[in-house]
Every structure is written in structure tokens, then in C-alpha cells.
Amino acid sequence: MKEASISILSLLLFITSFAQGKDIYVSKSGTSGYPYGNWATAATNIEWAVNAGAGNDMVWISNGVYILTNQIRKHPVHWQAA
């Protein structure tokens, strides 16, 4: 029974690690290094960051003025100002 409990716990931890998603960053001072995983390699374009994301990812946007050239149609999108 103890082995089954450990296996189930391991499976749940494995599944939740994928459900949490990843953080994607947008900053005017970023280098646009895909997959935009930190402030140094942040995308300089919001569209690029959103397109790089998936269902549970979070897009963090730094202060600045960003001009969108297209409408963003990806759902759901989670935004957070940094």
C-alpha cells in the first residue's frame, strides 16, 4: 500500500508541474531571446510573448509603451504588470 501511495503522489507532482505553466517576459530592454524566460531575454514585443505561450503560462510585462500591430486572439491569456 505504501508503494502505491508513493506512486500516486509522484504522478500528481509530475502532472501539477505541467499545469503551472511558465513565466514569459516582455521588456523594452530585453534581447528577445526565445522563449523569453527571464527579464534579460525578454521579448520586446507583446505579440511574440503571447504567441510563445500556452494555456497556463503567465506573461509579465514591464513598464513601457508598446504598440500592437495586430489584435491578440489567443485565449486564455494571463497578464501581469511588473
N, C-alpha and C. Protein backbone atom coordinates (compact mmCIF):
# COMPACT_ATOMS: atom_id res chain seq x y z
N MET A 1 0.82 -1.19 0.00
CA MET A 1 0.00 0.00 0.00
C MET A 1 0.87 1.26 0.00
N LYS A 2 1.98 1.22 0.74
CA LYS A 2 2.86 2.38 0.81
C LYS A 2 3.46 2.69 -0.56
N GLU A 3 3.81 1.65 -1.33
CA GLU A 3 4.37 1.85 -2.67
C GLU A 3 3.34 2.50 -3.59
N ALA A 4 2.08 2.11 -3.50
CA ALA A 4 1.03 2.69 -4.32
C ALA A 4 0.83 4.17 -3.96
N SER A 5 0.91 4.49 -2.69
CA SER A 5 0.76 5.89 -2.26
C SER A 5 1.88 6.76 -2.81
N ILE A 6 3.09 6.24 -2.78
CA ILE A 6 4.23 6.99 -3.30
C ILE A 6 4.10 7.18 -4.81
N SER A 7 3.65 6.16 -5.52
CA SER A 7 3.48 6.26 -6.97
C SER A 7 2.42 7.28 -7.34
N ILE A 8 1.32 7.29 -6.62
CA ILE A 8 0.25 8.25 -6.89
C ILE A 8 0.74 9.66 -6.59
N LEU A 9 1.45 9.85 -5.49
CA LEU A 9 1.99 11.16 -5.15
C LEU A 9 2.97 11.64 -6.22
N SER A 10 3.83 10.76 -6.69
CA SER A 10 4.78 11.11 -7.74
C SER A 10 4.06 11.52 -9.01
N LEU A 11 3.01 10.80 -9.37
CA LEU A 11 2.23 11.13 -10.56
C LEU A 11 1.56 12.49 -10.43
N LEU A 12 0.99 12.77 -9.27
CA LEU A 12 0.33 14.06 -9.06
C LEU A 12 1.34 15.22 -9.14
N LEU A 13 2.51 15.05 -8.55
CA LEU A 13 3.54 16.09 -8.62
C LEU A 13 4.00 16.30 -10.06
N PHE A 14 4.11 15.23 -10.82
CA PHE A 14 4.51 15.32 -12.23
C PHE A 14 3.47 16.08 -13.03
N ILE A 15 2.20 15.78 -12.82
CA ILE A 15 1.11 16.44 -13.56
C ILE A 15 1.02 17.92 -13.19
N THR A 16 1.09 18.25 -11.91
CA THR A 16 0.95 19.65 -11.49
C THR A 16 2.14 20.49 -11.95
N SER A 17 3.29 19.88 -12.17
CA SER A 17 4.43 20.66 -12.67
C SER A 17 4.15 21.19 -14.07
N PHE A 18 3.36 20.46 -14.86
CA PHE A 18 2.99 20.94 -16.19
C PHE A 18 1.80 21.90 -16.13
N ALA A 19 0.92 21.74 -15.17
CA ALA A 19 -0.28 22.57 -15.08
C ALA A 19 0.04 24.00 -14.66
N GLN A 20 1.17 24.22 -14.01
CA GLN A 20 1.50 25.54 -13.51
C GLN A 20 1.90 26.50 -14.63
N GLY A 21 2.36 26.00 -15.73
CA GLY A 21 2.77 26.87 -16.82
C GLY A 21 4.12 27.51 -16.56
N LYS A 22 4.52 28.36 -17.49
CA LYS A 22 5.81 29.03 -17.36
C LYS A 22 5.61 30.53 -17.39
N ASP A 23 6.62 31.25 -16.95
CA ASP A 23 6.59 32.70 -16.99
C ASP A 23 7.26 33.16 -18.27
N ILE A 24 6.63 34.12 -18.95
CA ILE A 24 7.16 34.71 -20.17
C ILE A 24 7.23 36.22 -19.93
N TYR A 25 8.34 36.84 -20.34
CA TYR A 25 8.59 38.23 -20.00
C TYR A 25 8.63 39.13 -21.24
N VAL A 26 8.14 40.36 -21.06
CA VAL A 26 8.19 41.39 -22.10
C VAL A 26 8.83 42.63 -21.48
N SER A 27 9.85 43.16 -22.15
CA SER A 27 10.52 44.36 -21.66
C SER A 27 11.16 45.09 -22.83
N LYS A 28 11.12 46.40 -22.79
CA LYS A 28 11.76 47.21 -23.82
C LYS A 28 13.27 46.98 -23.86
N SER A 29 13.86 46.56 -22.75
CA SER A 29 15.31 46.36 -22.69
C SER A 29 15.72 44.90 -22.86
N GLY A 30 14.77 44.02 -23.19
CA GLY A 30 15.08 42.61 -23.39
C GLY A 30 15.83 42.36 -24.70
N THR A 31 16.39 41.17 -24.83
CA THR A 31 17.14 40.81 -26.04
C THR A 31 16.31 39.96 -27.01
N SER A 32 15.05 39.71 -26.68
CA SER A 32 14.15 38.87 -27.49
C SER A 32 14.74 37.49 -27.72
N GLY A 33 15.28 36.91 -26.66
CA GLY A 33 15.84 35.56 -26.73
C GLY A 33 14.76 34.53 -26.40
N TYR A 34 14.24 33.88 -27.44
CA TYR A 34 13.19 32.88 -27.24
C TYR A 34 13.68 31.80 -26.30
N PRO A 35 12.92 31.35 -25.34
CA PRO A 35 11.48 31.51 -25.11
C PRO A 35 11.12 32.62 -24.13
N TYR A 36 11.95 33.67 -24.03
CA TYR A 36 11.65 34.87 -23.23
C TYR A 36 11.43 34.52 -21.76
N GLY A 37 12.29 33.66 -21.21
CA GLY A 37 12.11 33.11 -19.88
C GLY A 37 12.62 33.95 -18.72
N ASN A 38 13.19 35.12 -18.96
CA ASN A 38 13.63 35.99 -17.87
C ASN A 38 13.70 37.42 -18.40
N TRP A 39 13.97 38.38 -17.51
CA TRP A 39 13.97 39.78 -17.92
C TRP A 39 15.08 40.09 -18.92
N ALA A 40 16.22 39.44 -18.79
CA ALA A 40 17.34 39.70 -19.71
C ALA A 40 17.01 39.26 -21.14
N THR A 41 16.31 38.14 -21.28
CA THR A 41 15.97 37.62 -22.61
C THR A 41 14.52 37.90 -22.99
N ALA A 42 13.92 38.85 -22.31
CA ALA A 42 12.50 39.17 -22.53
C ALA A 42 12.23 39.58 -23.97
N ALA A 43 11.02 39.27 -24.42
CA ALA A 43 10.58 39.73 -25.74
C ALA A 43 10.40 41.24 -25.68
N THR A 44 10.63 41.91 -26.78
CA THR A 44 10.40 43.34 -26.84
C THR A 44 9.03 43.64 -27.46
N ASN A 45 8.30 42.60 -27.80
CA ASN A 45 7.01 42.73 -28.47
C ASN A 45 6.00 41.84 -27.74
N ILE A 46 4.88 42.38 -27.33
CA ILE A 46 3.87 41.62 -26.59
C ILE A 46 3.33 40.45 -27.41
N GLU A 47 3.11 40.67 -28.70
CA GLU A 47 2.59 39.60 -29.56
C GLU A 47 3.50 38.39 -29.55
N TRP A 48 4.82 38.60 -29.63
CA TRP A 48 5.76 37.49 -29.64
C TRP A 48 5.64 36.67 -28.36
N ALA A 49 5.53 37.36 -27.24
CA ALA A 49 5.44 36.68 -25.95
C ALA A 49 4.14 35.87 -25.85
N VAL A 50 3.04 36.45 -26.26
CA VAL A 50 1.76 35.75 -26.21
C VAL A 50 1.78 34.54 -27.14
N ASN A 51 2.34 34.70 -28.32
CA ASN A 51 2.41 33.58 -29.26
C ASN A 51 3.32 32.46 -28.75
N ALA A 52 4.30 32.79 -27.93
CA ALA A 52 5.20 31.78 -27.37
C ALA A 52 4.55 31.01 -26.23
N GLY A 53 3.45 31.54 -25.70
CA GLY A 53 2.82 30.94 -24.53
C GLY A 53 1.82 29.85 -24.86
N ALA A 54 1.43 29.15 -23.81
CA ALA A 54 0.41 28.10 -23.88
C ALA A 54 -0.61 28.36 -22.78
N GLY A 55 -1.52 27.44 -22.59
CA GLY A 55 -2.67 27.60 -21.71
C GLY A 55 -2.46 28.18 -20.34
N ASN A 56 -1.51 27.69 -19.57
CA ASN A 56 -1.35 28.15 -18.18
C ASN A 56 -0.15 29.06 -17.99
N ASP A 57 0.40 29.59 -19.05
CA ASP A 57 1.56 30.46 -18.94
C ASP A 57 1.15 31.86 -18.49
N MET A 58 2.08 32.55 -17.86
CA MET A 58 1.86 33.92 -17.40
C MET A 58 2.78 34.85 -18.18
N VAL A 59 2.21 35.92 -18.75
CA VAL A 59 3.00 36.92 -19.47
C VAL A 59 3.20 38.11 -18.54
N TRP A 60 4.45 38.41 -18.21
CA TRP A 60 4.81 39.54 -17.36
C TRP A 60 5.28 40.66 -18.27
N ILE A 61 4.68 41.85 -18.13
CA ILE A 61 5.00 42.97 -19.00
C ILE A 61 5.59 44.11 -18.17
N SER A 62 6.79 44.53 -18.54
CA SER A 62 7.48 45.61 -17.85
C SER A 62 6.90 46.96 -18.28
N ASN A 63 7.20 47.99 -17.50
CA ASN A 63 6.75 49.35 -17.83
C ASN A 63 7.25 49.74 -19.22
N GLY A 64 6.45 50.51 -19.92
CA GLY A 64 6.85 51.00 -21.22
C GLY A 64 5.64 51.19 -22.11
N VAL A 65 5.87 51.76 -23.26
CA VAL A 65 4.81 51.95 -24.25
C VAL A 65 5.02 50.93 -25.34
N TYR A 66 4.03 50.09 -25.55
CA TYR A 66 4.09 49.04 -26.55
C TYR A 66 3.00 49.29 -27.59
N ILE A 67 3.35 49.18 -28.84
CA ILE A 67 2.39 49.38 -29.91
C ILE A 67 2.06 48.03 -30.53
N LEU A 68 0.78 47.67 -30.47
CA LEU A 68 0.33 46.41 -31.06
C LEU A 68 -0.01 46.65 -32.52
N THR A 69 0.50 45.80 -33.39
CA THR A 69 0.20 45.93 -34.82
C THR A 69 -0.92 44.98 -35.24
N ASN A 70 -1.23 44.02 -34.39
CA ASN A 70 -2.30 43.07 -34.65
C ASN A 70 -3.10 42.85 -33.38
N GLN A 71 -4.33 42.41 -33.54
CA GLN A 71 -5.16 42.08 -32.38
C GLN A 71 -4.70 40.75 -31.81
N ILE A 72 -4.63 40.66 -30.49
CA ILE A 72 -4.23 39.41 -29.83
C ILE A 72 -5.48 38.56 -29.64
N ARG A 73 -5.46 37.35 -30.17
CA ARG A 73 -6.65 36.49 -30.15
C ARG A 73 -6.43 35.16 -29.43
N LYS A 74 -5.36 35.03 -28.73
CA LYS A 74 -5.07 33.77 -28.04
C LYS A 74 -5.78 33.75 -26.70
N HIS A 75 -6.46 32.67 -26.37
CA HIS A 75 -7.21 32.57 -25.12
C HIS A 75 -6.86 31.28 -24.41
N PRO A 76 -6.84 31.20 -23.12
CA PRO A 76 -6.82 32.35 -22.22
C PRO A 76 -5.43 32.95 -22.16
N VAL A 77 -5.36 34.22 -21.90
CA VAL A 77 -4.08 34.91 -21.71
C VAL A 77 -4.08 35.48 -20.30
N HIS A 78 -3.03 35.21 -19.55
CA HIS A 78 -2.89 35.72 -18.19
C HIS A 78 -1.84 36.83 -18.23
N TRP A 79 -2.22 38.04 -17.84
CA TRP A 79 -1.36 39.21 -17.86
C TRP A 79 -0.99 39.61 -16.45
N GLN A 80 0.19 40.15 -16.30
CA GLN A 80 0.58 40.70 -15.02
C GLN A 80 1.56 41.82 -15.27
N ALA A 81 1.24 43.01 -14.81
CA ALA A 81 2.18 44.12 -14.94
C ALA A 81 3.28 43.94 -13.91
N ALA A 82 4.49 44.23 -14.33
CA ALA A 82 5.62 44.03 -13.42
C ALA A 82 6.08 45.33 -12.83
